[in-house]
Amino acid sequence: MTKLSVNINKIATLRNARGGNTPNLIEAAIKIQEYGAQGITIHPRPDERHIRYQDAYDLKPVVTTEFNIEGNPNKKFIDLVLAIKPEQVTLVPDAVDAITSNAGWDTVKHFDFLKEVVTEFKNNNIRTSIFMENNPSWIEAAAKLGANRVELYTEEYAKQYAKGNLDAVLPYAGSAKFAKDLGLGVNAGHDLSLDNIAYFAKMVPNLLEVSIGHALISEALYLGLQNVVNMYLYKLKLE
């Protein structure tokens, strides 16, 4: 079954909006794992507007499933990941002022830089995934530079699915097959939701993990966090 990693950035956003420690990020991570999620994802940004760098250290002892840290590999981020040694690091080319991730890596253009970063993480036994669009040459370069996985950027699929265009999943299915043929694992994330996740997981082969945050936390406002986590797990089993 495709694993569910819950991105808890939005819980941190809510906490930071009021100050203090409510909702409690650590308690939320513990509960989400108790509810059945197979991983916790965080995405610290330089301005710490949601996840703070200290949160990463505080979460390390309580994440007993898979800890996935996403971000742009600047020096501060690299140092954080090397200190914590999560099971997985996902490299995302965020602009400093980006509201959310809005593009994947051009692994051809940034090959040398990414190879250096990936090699550093692999030398420390940290699985490395690269966030990217459906571009065969970029996927091929990801394999050549030594990444373990790619994370397919699914915003376009989500937009098209909402319009009834089910064929929007086909490029992702092709990319997943191509990535596996090159020895890469396949993750996916961005705008996946209860509405579109089951079809995506059914149609995309070799899908190891999805990372879902904004939609899941938003849905939990109406349906409850435990219920929503289990709804995702059920839909992922339908594949």
Protein backbone atom coordinates (compact mmCIF):
# COMPACT_ATOMS: atom_id res chain seq x y z
CA MET A 1 0.00 0.00 0.00
CA THR A 2 1.11 3.56 -0.70
CA LYS A 3 2.25 5.16 2.56
CA LEU A 4 0.62 8.31 3.91
CA SER A 5 2.95 10.99 5.30
CA VAL A 6 1.07 13.87 6.91
CA ASN A 7 2.54 17.34 6.49
CA ILE A 8 1.92 19.19 9.76
CA ASN A 9 2.95 22.68 8.58
CA LYS A 10 -0.61 23.98 8.83
CA ILE A 11 -0.86 22.92 12.46
CA ALA A 12 2.25 24.99 13.12
CA THR A 13 0.70 27.90 11.21
CA LEU A 14 -2.33 27.84 13.49
CA ARG A 15 -0.12 27.68 16.58
CA ASN A 16 2.01 30.60 15.43
CA ALA A 17 -1.02 32.76 14.65
CA ARG A 18 -1.88 33.04 18.34
CA GLY A 19 1.47 32.50 20.02
CA GLY A 20 1.96 30.00 22.78
CA ASN A 21 1.76 26.29 22.09
CA THR A 22 -1.84 25.65 21.08
CA PRO A 23 -2.37 23.51 19.09
CA ASN A 24 0.55 21.45 20.34
CA LEU A 25 2.58 20.33 17.35
CA ILE A 26 4.27 17.45 19.17
CA GLU A 27 0.97 16.08 20.45
CA ALA A 28 -0.50 16.36 16.97
CA ALA A 29 2.37 14.38 15.44
CA ILE A 30 1.99 11.66 18.07
CA LYS A 31 -1.76 11.43 17.52
CA ILE A 32 -1.49 11.39 13.72
CA GLN A 33 0.84 8.39 13.95
CA GLU A 34 -1.45 6.69 16.45
CA TYR A 35 -4.29 7.18 13.95
CA GLY A 36 -2.33 5.15 11.41
CA ALA A 37 -0.28 7.56 9.29
CA GLN A 38 3.03 6.04 8.24
CA GLY A 39 5.02 9.26 8.29
CA ILE A 40 5.29 12.89 9.40
CA THR A 41 6.45 15.59 6.98
CA ILE A 42 7.64 19.08 7.84
CA HIS A 43 8.81 21.87 5.56
CA PRO A 44 10.76 24.54 7.46
CA ARG A 45 11.29 27.80 5.61
CA PRO A 46 13.84 30.51 6.38
CA ASP A 47 11.23 32.88 7.89
CA GLU A 48 9.87 30.06 10.12
CA ARG A 49 6.33 31.22 9.41
CA HIS A 50 4.98 27.78 10.21
CA ILE A 51 7.47 25.05 11.13
CA ARG A 52 10.33 26.42 13.20
CA TYR A 53 13.77 24.90 13.04
CA GLN A 54 13.47 24.00 16.73
CA ASP A 55 10.31 22.04 15.87
CA ALA A 56 12.41 19.67 13.79
CA TYR A 57 14.60 18.87 16.80
CA ASP A 58 11.58 18.55 19.10
CA LEU A 59 9.81 16.19 16.71
CA LYS A 60 12.74 13.83 16.20
CA PRO A 61 12.17 11.77 19.40
CA VAL A 62 8.41 11.37 18.83
CA VAL A 63 8.33 10.51 15.14
CA THR A 64 8.42 6.73 15.32
CA THR A 65 7.29 6.16 11.74
CA GLU A 66 9.10 7.99 8.92
CA PHE A 67 10.38 11.51 9.40
CA ASN A 68 10.47 13.45 6.11
CA ILE A 69 12.00 16.94 6.08
CA GLU A 70 11.36 19.04 2.97
CA GLY A 71 13.07 22.23 1.91
CA ASN A 72 15.47 24.18 -0.22
CA PRO A 73 18.98 22.88 0.53
CA ASN A 74 20.66 26.07 1.69
CA LYS A 75 23.38 25.73 4.33
CA LYS A 76 21.04 26.14 7.30
CA PHE A 77 18.70 23.48 5.94
CA ILE A 78 21.53 21.07 5.16
CA ASP A 79 22.97 21.51 8.65
CA LEU A 80 19.54 20.86 10.18
CA VAL A 81 19.02 17.66 8.21
CA LEU A 82 22.51 16.35 8.98
CA ALA A 83 21.98 17.01 12.68
CA ILE A 84 18.61 15.26 12.84
CA LYS A 85 19.18 12.52 10.27
CA PRO A 86 15.55 11.89 9.28
CA GLU A 87 14.64 8.82 7.26
CA GLN A 88 14.02 11.01 4.21
CA VAL A 89 14.87 14.48 2.98
CA THR A 90 12.93 15.97 0.07
CA LEU A 91 14.67 18.72 -1.88
CA VAL A 92 12.32 21.50 -3.01
CA PRO A 93 13.48 24.63 -4.91
CA ASP A 94 11.47 27.15 -2.90
CA ALA A 95 11.91 30.83 -3.43
CA VAL A 96 12.34 32.63 -0.11
CA ASP A 97 9.00 34.44 -0.52
CA ALA A 98 7.00 31.50 -1.92
CA ILE A 99 3.63 30.98 -0.24
CA THR A 100 3.87 27.30 -1.03
CA SER A 101 5.93 25.09 -3.34
CA ASN A 102 5.16 26.12 -6.91
CA ALA A 103 7.80 24.43 -9.06
CA GLY A 104 10.01 21.38 -9.19
CA TRP A 105 13.74 21.09 -9.81
CA ASP A 106 15.31 21.37 -13.21
CA THR A 107 17.80 18.62 -12.41
CA VAL A 108 19.66 19.12 -15.68
CA LYS A 109 20.38 22.80 -15.02
CA HIS A 110 21.18 22.23 -11.35
CA PHE A 111 22.82 18.82 -11.76
CA ASP A 112 26.19 19.61 -10.15
CA PHE A 113 24.69 21.39 -7.17
CA LEU A 114 22.12 18.67 -6.52
CA LYS A 115 24.67 15.91 -6.94
CA GLU A 116 26.83 17.46 -4.23
CA VAL A 117 23.87 17.80 -1.85
CA VAL A 118 22.50 14.32 -2.55
CA THR A 119 25.94 12.77 -2.08
CA GLU A 120 26.29 14.47 1.31
CA PHE A 121 22.94 13.13 2.48
CA LYS A 122 23.56 9.64 1.11
CA ASN A 123 26.90 9.53 2.90
CA ASN A 124 24.90 10.06 6.08
CA ASN A 125 22.40 7.31 5.22
CA ILE A 126 19.53 9.71 4.56
CA ARG A 127 17.22 8.77 1.70
CA THR A 128 16.92 11.67 -0.72
CA SER A 129 13.90 12.56 -2.86
CA ILE A 130 13.73 15.37 -5.43
CA PHE A 131 10.53 17.33 -6.04
CA MET A 132 9.84 17.70 -9.76
CA GLU A 133 7.39 17.90 -12.64
CA ASN A 134 6.76 15.23 -15.30
CA ASN A 135 9.86 15.77 -17.39
CA PRO A 136 11.69 12.63 -18.60
CA SER A 137 15.05 14.36 -18.95
CA TRP A 138 14.80 15.72 -15.40
CA ILE A 139 13.83 12.30 -14.03
CA GLU A 140 16.75 10.72 -15.87
CA ALA A 141 19.11 13.35 -14.44
CA ALA A 142 17.75 12.67 -10.95
CA ALA A 143 18.76 9.04 -11.32
CA LYS A 144 22.20 9.97 -12.62
CA LEU A 145 22.96 12.36 -9.78
CA GLY A 146 22.20 9.63 -7.27
CA ALA A 147 18.77 10.45 -5.82
CA ASN A 148 16.82 7.61 -4.25
CA ARG A 149 13.38 8.90 -5.19
CA VAL A 150 11.49 11.61 -7.01
CA GLU A 151 8.40 13.33 -5.67
CA LEU A 152 6.01 14.15 -8.48
CA TYR A 153 4.50 17.64 -8.18
CA THR A 154 0.76 17.01 -8.47
CA GLU A 155 -0.80 20.49 -8.56
CA GLU A 156 -1.68 20.23 -12.27
CA TYR A 157 -3.30 16.83 -11.77
CA ALA A 158 -5.44 18.24 -8.94
CA LYS A 159 -6.56 21.23 -11.03
CA GLN A 160 -7.47 19.11 -14.03
CA TYR A 161 -9.17 16.40 -11.98
CA ALA A 162 -11.43 19.03 -10.44
CA LYS A 163 -12.48 19.97 -13.99
CA GLY A 164 -13.30 16.36 -14.82
CA ASN A 165 -10.19 15.72 -16.91
CA LEU A 166 -9.24 12.24 -15.74
CA ASP A 167 -6.56 11.92 -18.42
CA ALA A 168 -4.51 14.43 -16.42
CA VAL A 169 -3.21 11.47 -14.42
CA LEU A 170 -1.57 9.83 -17.45
CA PRO A 171 1.66 11.88 -17.47
CA TYR A 172 2.16 10.96 -13.82
CA ALA A 173 1.60 7.30 -14.55
CA GLY A 174 4.18 7.48 -17.34
CA SER A 175 6.67 9.32 -15.14
CA ALA A 176 6.26 6.80 -12.34
CA LYS A 177 6.93 3.88 -14.68
CA PHE A 178 9.93 5.63 -16.22
CA ALA A 179 11.34 6.47 -12.79
CA LYS A 180 11.05 2.88 -11.62
CA ASP A 181 12.79 1.66 -14.77
CA LEU A 182 15.69 3.95 -13.81
CA GLY A 183 15.80 2.56 -10.29
CA LEU A 184 14.05 5.49 -8.61
CA GLY A 185 11.31 5.25 -6.02
CA VAL A 186 8.22 7.40 -6.57
CA ASN A 187 6.53 9.77 -4.12
CA ALA A 188 3.89 12.39 -4.88
CA GLY A 189 2.44 15.49 -3.32
CA HIS A 190 0.78 18.91 -3.60
CA ASP A 191 -2.99 19.52 -3.66
CA LEU A 192 -3.83 15.85 -3.28
CA SER A 193 -7.09 15.50 -1.33
CA LEU A 194 -9.83 13.08 -0.33
CA ASP A 195 -11.54 13.90 -3.62
CA ASN A 196 -8.66 12.99 -5.94
CA ILE A 197 -6.29 10.69 -4.04
CA ALA A 198 -7.96 7.34 -4.73
CA TYR A 199 -7.92 7.76 -8.51
CA PHE A 200 -4.34 8.97 -8.47
CA ALA A 201 -3.13 6.05 -6.37
CA LYS A 202 -5.06 3.60 -8.55
CA MET A 203 -3.66 4.92 -11.84
CA VAL A 204 -0.05 5.70 -10.88
CA PRO A 205 2.10 2.56 -10.59
CA ASN A 206 4.93 2.09 -8.12
CA LEU A 207 3.67 4.89 -5.85
CA LEU A 208 5.51 4.47 -2.55
CA GLU A 209 4.36 7.52 -0.60
CA VAL A 210 2.12 10.58 -0.72
CA SER A 211 2.73 13.67 1.39
CA ILE A 212 -0.48 15.55 2.20
CA GLY A 213 -0.88 18.58 4.42
CA HIS A 214 -3.08 21.53 3.46
CA ALA A 215 -6.05 19.50 2.21
CA LEU A 216 -5.88 16.94 5.02
CA ILE A 217 -5.77 19.52 7.80
CA SER A 218 -8.52 21.55 6.11
CA GLU A 219 -10.73 18.47 5.77
CA ALA A 220 -10.07 17.65 9.41
CA LEU A 221 -11.77 20.91 10.43
CA TYR A 222 -15.04 19.43 9.20
CA LEU A 223 -14.55 15.72 9.67
CA GLY A 224 -12.06 15.34 12.52
CA LEU A 225 -8.36 14.54 12.33
CA GLN A 226 -8.53 10.86 13.25
CA ASN A 227 -11.40 10.26 10.83
CA VAL A 228 -9.64 12.04 7.96
CA VAL A 229 -6.35 10.17 8.43
CA ASN A 230 -8.27 6.89 8.30
CA MET A 231 -10.24 8.02 5.25
CA TYR A 232 -6.97 8.62 3.40
CA LEU A 233 -5.61 5.26 4.46
CA TYR A 234 -8.78 3.57 3.21
CA LYS A 235 -8.66 5.36 -0.15
CA LEU A 236 -4.99 4.45 -0.62
CA LYS A 237 -5.89 0.80 -0.05
CA LEU A 238 -8.32 0.95 -2.99
CA GLU A 239 -5.41 0.95 -5.44
